[in-house]
Every structure is written in C-alpha cells, then in structure tokens.
Protein backbone atom coordinates (compact mmCIF):
# COMPACT_ATOMS: atom_id res chain seq x y z
CA MET A 1 108.49 -246.53 269.76
CA ASP A 2 107.49 -250.16 269.23
CA LEU A 3 103.94 -250.46 270.48
CA SER A 4 103.75 -254.08 269.35
CA LYS A 5 105.41 -255.06 272.65
CA PRO A 6 102.49 -255.77 274.97
CA GLY A 7 104.45 -255.18 278.17
CA THR A 8 105.61 -251.71 277.27
CA LEU A 9 102.19 -250.84 275.83
CA ALA A 10 100.51 -251.89 279.05
CA ASN A 11 102.99 -249.91 281.10
CA LEU A 12 102.47 -246.81 279.02
CA GLU A 13 98.69 -247.09 279.42
CA ALA A 14 99.08 -247.58 283.16
CA ALA A 15 101.45 -244.62 283.41
CA PHE A 16 99.03 -242.40 281.44
CA GLY A 17 96.22 -243.49 283.74
CA GLY A 18 98.25 -242.87 286.86
CA GLU A 19 99.44 -239.41 285.82
CA SER A 20 95.91 -238.47 284.70
CA MET A 21 94.47 -239.62 288.00
CA ALA A 22 97.11 -237.67 289.92
CA ASN A 23 96.15 -234.50 287.97
CA ARG A 24 92.51 -234.77 288.99
CA LYS A 25 93.34 -235.81 292.53
CA TYR A 26 95.65 -232.83 293.08
CA LEU A 27 93.05 -230.46 291.64
CA PHE A 28 90.57 -231.87 294.12
CA PHE A 29 93.11 -231.32 296.91
CA ALA A 30 93.66 -227.78 295.66
CA ASP A 31 89.92 -227.12 295.93
CA VAL A 32 89.85 -228.51 299.46
CA ALA A 33 92.84 -226.27 300.43
CA ARG A 34 91.14 -223.25 298.88
CA GLN A 35 87.97 -223.90 300.80
CA LEU A 36 89.90 -224.25 304.03
CA GLY A 37 91.67 -220.91 303.53
CA ASN A 38 95.16 -222.12 302.53
CA PRO A 39 95.87 -220.49 299.13
CA GLU A 40 99.61 -221.41 299.26
CA LEU A 41 98.86 -225.13 299.55
CA ALA A 42 96.13 -224.83 296.91
CA LYS A 43 98.65 -223.29 294.50
CA LEU A 44 101.12 -226.08 295.23
CA PHE A 45 98.52 -228.70 294.33
CA ARG A 46 97.43 -226.82 291.16
CA ASP A 47 101.07 -226.39 289.97
CA THR A 48 101.79 -230.07 290.59
CA ALA A 49 98.58 -231.02 288.81
CA ALA A 50 99.72 -229.10 285.72
CA GLN A 51 103.07 -230.96 285.78
CA GLU A 52 101.26 -234.28 286.01
CA THR A 53 99.23 -233.27 282.91
CA GLU A 54 102.44 -232.74 280.95
CA HIS A 55 103.65 -236.20 282.07
CA ALA A 56 100.32 -237.73 280.96
CA PHE A 57 100.53 -235.92 277.61
CA ALA A 58 104.05 -237.28 277.03
CA HIS A 59 102.82 -240.83 277.66
CA PHE A 60 99.77 -240.32 275.41
CA ARG A 61 101.92 -239.02 272.56
CA LEU A 62 103.87 -242.29 272.65
CA LEU A 63 100.66 -244.30 272.73
CA HIS A 64 99.15 -242.34 269.82
CA PRO A 65 101.88 -240.93 267.58
CA GLU A 66 99.27 -240.38 264.83
CA LEU A 67 97.98 -237.48 266.87
CA VAL A 68 101.35 -235.74 267.29
CA VAL A 69 101.35 -232.61 265.09
CA ALA A 70 104.78 -231.02 264.70
CA ASP A 71 103.70 -228.27 262.27
CA PRO A 72 99.94 -227.63 262.04
CA ALA A 73 100.39 -225.12 259.28
CA ALA A 74 101.99 -227.79 257.06
CA LEU A 75 98.91 -230.02 257.19
CA SER A 76 96.31 -230.02 254.45
CA GLU A 77 92.64 -229.73 255.39
CA ALA A 78 92.23 -233.44 254.72
CA GLU A 79 95.15 -234.28 257.04
CA LYS A 80 93.68 -232.03 259.76
CA GLN A 81 90.38 -233.80 259.42
CA THR A 82 92.06 -237.21 259.69
CA VAL A 83 93.73 -236.23 262.96
CA LEU A 84 90.56 -234.70 264.42
CA SER A 85 88.55 -237.71 263.30
CA ARG A 86 90.95 -240.00 265.12
CA CYS A 87 90.48 -237.92 268.26
CA LEU A 88 86.76 -238.37 268.01
CA GLU A 89 87.11 -242.10 267.35
CA LEU A 90 89.12 -242.48 270.57
CA ALA A 91 86.63 -240.38 272.49
CA ILE A 92 83.67 -242.48 271.19
CA GLU A 93 85.55 -245.69 272.01
CA GLY A 94 86.23 -244.55 275.60
CA GLU A 95 82.74 -243.26 276.34
CA THR A 96 81.15 -246.37 274.78
CA TYR A 97 83.27 -248.63 276.93
CA GLU A 98 82.27 -246.69 280.03
CA TYR A 99 78.49 -246.95 279.47
CA THR A 100 78.39 -250.46 277.95
CA THR A 101 80.99 -252.24 280.12
CA MET A 102 82.74 -250.37 282.90
CA TYR A 103 79.92 -248.63 284.75
CA PRO A 104 77.36 -251.46 284.32
CA GLU A 105 79.86 -253.85 285.87
CA PHE A 106 80.58 -251.38 288.66
CA ALA A 107 76.84 -250.89 289.32
CA ALA A 108 76.31 -254.64 289.43
CA GLN A 109 79.04 -254.99 292.00
CA ALA A 110 77.54 -252.15 294.04
CA ARG A 111 74.22 -253.93 294.07
CA THR A 112 75.96 -257.07 295.25
CA ASP A 113 77.64 -255.06 298.01
CA ARG A 114 74.28 -253.43 298.86
CA ASP A 115 75.83 -249.99 298.33
CA GLY A 116 72.93 -247.92 297.03
CA GLY A 117 74.86 -244.67 296.88
CA ALA A 118 77.66 -246.15 294.68
CA GLU A 119 75.08 -247.90 292.46
CA ALA A 120 73.20 -244.64 291.90
CA GLU A 121 76.43 -242.83 291.06
CA PHE A 122 77.51 -245.51 288.54
CA ASN A 123 74.06 -245.54 286.91
CA GLU A 124 74.25 -241.75 286.54
CA GLN A 125 77.65 -242.10 284.91
CA ILE A 126 76.27 -244.70 282.52
CA ALA A 127 73.71 -242.14 281.26
CA GLU A 128 76.31 -239.35 281.02
CA SER A 129 78.85 -241.53 279.16
CA ALA A 130 76.14 -242.58 276.69
CA GLU A 131 75.28 -238.93 276.17
CA HIS A 132 78.91 -238.01 275.63
CA ALA A 133 79.43 -240.85 273.19
CA GLY A 134 76.40 -239.66 271.22
CA ILE A 135 77.77 -236.13 271.06
CA PHE A 136 81.15 -237.35 269.86
CA ARG A 137 79.46 -239.54 267.22
CA ARG A 138 77.49 -236.57 266.01
CA ALA A 139 80.70 -234.53 265.81
CA ALA A 140 82.41 -237.34 263.85
CA SER A 141 79.45 -237.49 261.51
CA ASN A 142 79.65 -233.79 260.94
CA PHE A 143 83.33 -233.98 260.07
CA GLY A 144 82.33 -236.46 257.37
CA ARG A 145 79.73 -234.03 256.07
CA LEU A 146 82.24 -231.18 255.98
CA THR A 147 84.37 -232.95 253.34
CA PRO A 148 81.92 -232.45 250.45
CA ILE A 149 81.17 -228.93 251.67
CA GLU A 150 84.82 -227.97 251.49
CA HIS A 151 85.09 -229.71 248.13
CA HIS A 152 82.18 -227.60 246.93
CA HIS A 153 83.81 -224.43 248.21
CA ALA A 154 87.12 -225.33 246.50
CA ASP A 155 85.30 -225.98 243.21
CA ARG A 156 83.58 -222.61 243.41
CA TYR A 157 86.87 -220.86 244.02
CA THR A 158 88.47 -222.70 241.13
CA VAL A 159 85.71 -221.68 238.79
CA ALA A 160 85.87 -218.10 240.08
CA LEU A 161 89.60 -217.98 239.47
CA GLU A 162 89.24 -219.39 235.88
CA ALA A 163 86.51 -216.81 235.19
CA LEU A 164 88.74 -214.06 236.55
CA GLN A 165 91.47 -215.20 234.14
CA GLY A 166 89.01 -214.76 231.30
CA GLN A 167 88.41 -218.43 230.62
CA GLY A 168 84.64 -218.14 230.82
CA THR A 169 81.86 -217.12 233.18
CA ALA A 170 81.28 -218.59 236.59
CA GLY A 171 77.98 -220.39 236.84
CA GLU A 172 76.30 -223.67 237.67
CA GLY A 173 75.84 -226.94 235.79
CA GLU A 174 72.84 -229.25 235.67
CA PRO A 175 71.30 -230.36 238.98
CA VAL A 176 72.97 -233.40 240.49
CA ALA A 177 70.35 -236.15 240.67
CA GLY A 178 68.87 -236.46 244.18
CA GLN A 179 71.24 -234.04 245.91
CA TRP A 180 70.14 -230.85 247.71
CA ILE A 181 72.30 -228.15 249.20
CA CYS A 182 71.68 -225.96 252.24
CA LYS A 183 71.62 -222.25 251.35
CA VAL A 184 72.95 -221.36 254.82
CA CYS A 185 75.98 -223.60 255.31
CA SER A 186 76.32 -225.52 251.99
CA MET A 187 75.75 -228.91 253.57
CA ILE A 188 74.85 -231.31 250.74
CA TYR A 189 72.17 -233.87 251.35
CA ASP A 190 72.95 -237.10 249.51
CA PRO A 191 70.15 -239.73 249.48
CA ALA A 192 72.79 -242.43 249.11
CA ILE A 193 73.99 -241.54 252.64
CA GLY A 194 70.90 -240.12 254.33
CA ASP A 195 71.09 -238.69 257.81
CA LEU A 196 71.13 -241.56 260.31
CA ASP A 197 71.62 -239.19 263.26
CA SER A 198 68.14 -237.82 262.46
CA GLY A 199 66.60 -241.20 261.60
CA ILE A 200 66.86 -240.66 257.85
CA VAL A 201 68.11 -243.94 256.43
CA ALA A 202 70.25 -244.27 253.30
CA GLY A 203 68.20 -244.32 250.15
CA THR A 204 65.69 -241.72 251.41
CA PRO A 205 64.97 -239.10 248.70
CA PHE A 206 64.99 -235.53 249.87
CA GLU A 207 61.33 -235.14 249.02
CA ALA A 208 60.47 -237.89 251.44
CA ILE A 209 62.22 -236.29 254.45
CA PRO A 210 59.72 -234.90 257.03
CA ASP A 211 59.20 -231.12 256.79
CA ASP A 212 60.36 -230.63 260.37
CA TRP A 213 63.77 -232.09 259.58
CA SER A 214 66.66 -229.62 260.00
CA CYS A 215 70.17 -229.33 258.60
CA PRO A 216 72.54 -231.46 260.71
CA ILE A 217 75.31 -228.83 260.38
CA CYS A 218 73.63 -225.44 260.97
CA GLY A 219 70.11 -226.41 262.10
CA THR A 220 68.20 -224.49 259.47
CA ARG A 221 64.91 -225.85 258.23
CA LYS A 222 64.38 -228.11 255.25
CA ALA A 223 62.83 -225.29 253.23
CA ASN A 224 66.26 -223.64 253.05
CA PHE A 225 67.63 -226.44 250.79
CA ILE A 226 67.69 -226.17 247.03
CA PRO A 227 68.64 -228.69 244.30
CA TYR A 228 72.42 -228.97 244.16
CA ARG A 229 74.22 -227.85 241.01
CA GLU A 230 78.00 -228.26 240.69
CA PRO A 231 79.96 -225.10 240.04
CA ALA A 232 80.79 -224.83 236.34
CA LEU A 233 82.69 -222.60 233.99
CA LEU A 234 80.33 -221.46 231.29
CA ALA A 235 81.45 -220.49 227.81
CA VAL A 236 81.52 -216.75 227.14
C-alpha cells in the first residue's frame, strides 16, 4: 500500500479511529445492557465490538506494515526487538501527544466554556497520559539494555561450546574498563551511557553512583554489581 498518498493515509487513520471508537462504545453499551438485566443484548454488543476490533486491526496493519509479523519463529532476537521497540515508540508518541497537546487544549476549552467537570477530567487524563508515556519510555529503555545482556549470554554460550569441544577452558578475560555487571540479571552498567531514568547522566563512573541506586532491569541493589569481564576461552 502506498502510504505516501495523504488522502488515503488520512482515510485509513480516520477509519482506524472510527472502528476503535466503535469497539469501546459497544463495550460500554454491553455493560449497560448487563447492568439492566439483558444478557442477550449485552452479548450482541460484545460480539460486535470484537468484530470492530478486527476491522481496526486490519486498518492498523496497513498503516504500519513494519509491525506485521507473518512468522514470529523466523525472526531473530534482534528483529523481534526492532518490532517491539517500534510498538513502544508509537505508544510513547501517542501518550506524549495526549498530555502535551490534546488534553491541555481540551482543558483550556473547558475552562472557556466554564465546564469544571470536563476540565477536571481532562486534567486527570493529562496526568495519566504522562504516567503512561513514562512507563513506555522506561520499557523502551529496558529493551535497549537487553541487547548487551543477550550479547553477553550468547558470548558465554559460545565460549562454553568451544570448551566442550576441547578448544580450551571457559573463563573470563580482563575487566572491561568502567563497566559493571549485575549478578542477578546480567544488566551491564556502562558509564558512557549512564542511567538517565534514574538520574545518572552519561559519563558517571559506577563508583560515583549513590548507594541506594538499584538495577533498572531487576531492581537489585548496587552492591550486587561486580566488575564486568567478557567471557573468554582460556588456553588449556
């Protein structure tokens, strides 16, 4: 599909929005019908809502073909991370738009209209969207941290295999300057990157990190980190 055509792109986005709204609306209607003792009508609304979801998914697949996975088993770990990272990017983008633009504009209009109830609702949504965006950013950051962890695991397995084949003894090389590894989850702290989510700016040596800092992946304390040594095949 040619998404360079602005008309079709806008129509697809509108169709996705319409089908998505219909899904939530029908689920609301289903809840009303359930509360009023009409399970048959509630089921009709729920069934139709599920169908609207499928319609919305079809539109979204056209809007974002990079997220369409035909054969998950055929993807490498790096390719899986790319797809998941893109999902998080879109989630962050949407939540950020909501709390920086959409809801503030809505709240301002509610103030103009002297609608205190609507203004309070929009302000509450600003806070929630900001919180959601922060959670998604943290998840995206963690995906980035997982890459060197998986690399480390792969290197260890490679060394173990070579040792099993009689090529040497599995061991560790010299400490990598400045890098420390978590004994619990293998997260590697790199001073060149730091940990911005925890207020640790790039360039901060591990020794300068506050003692109450915790691993951003598993939450263990700083004391459970040791100097990082790359897996190495040692001569017999």
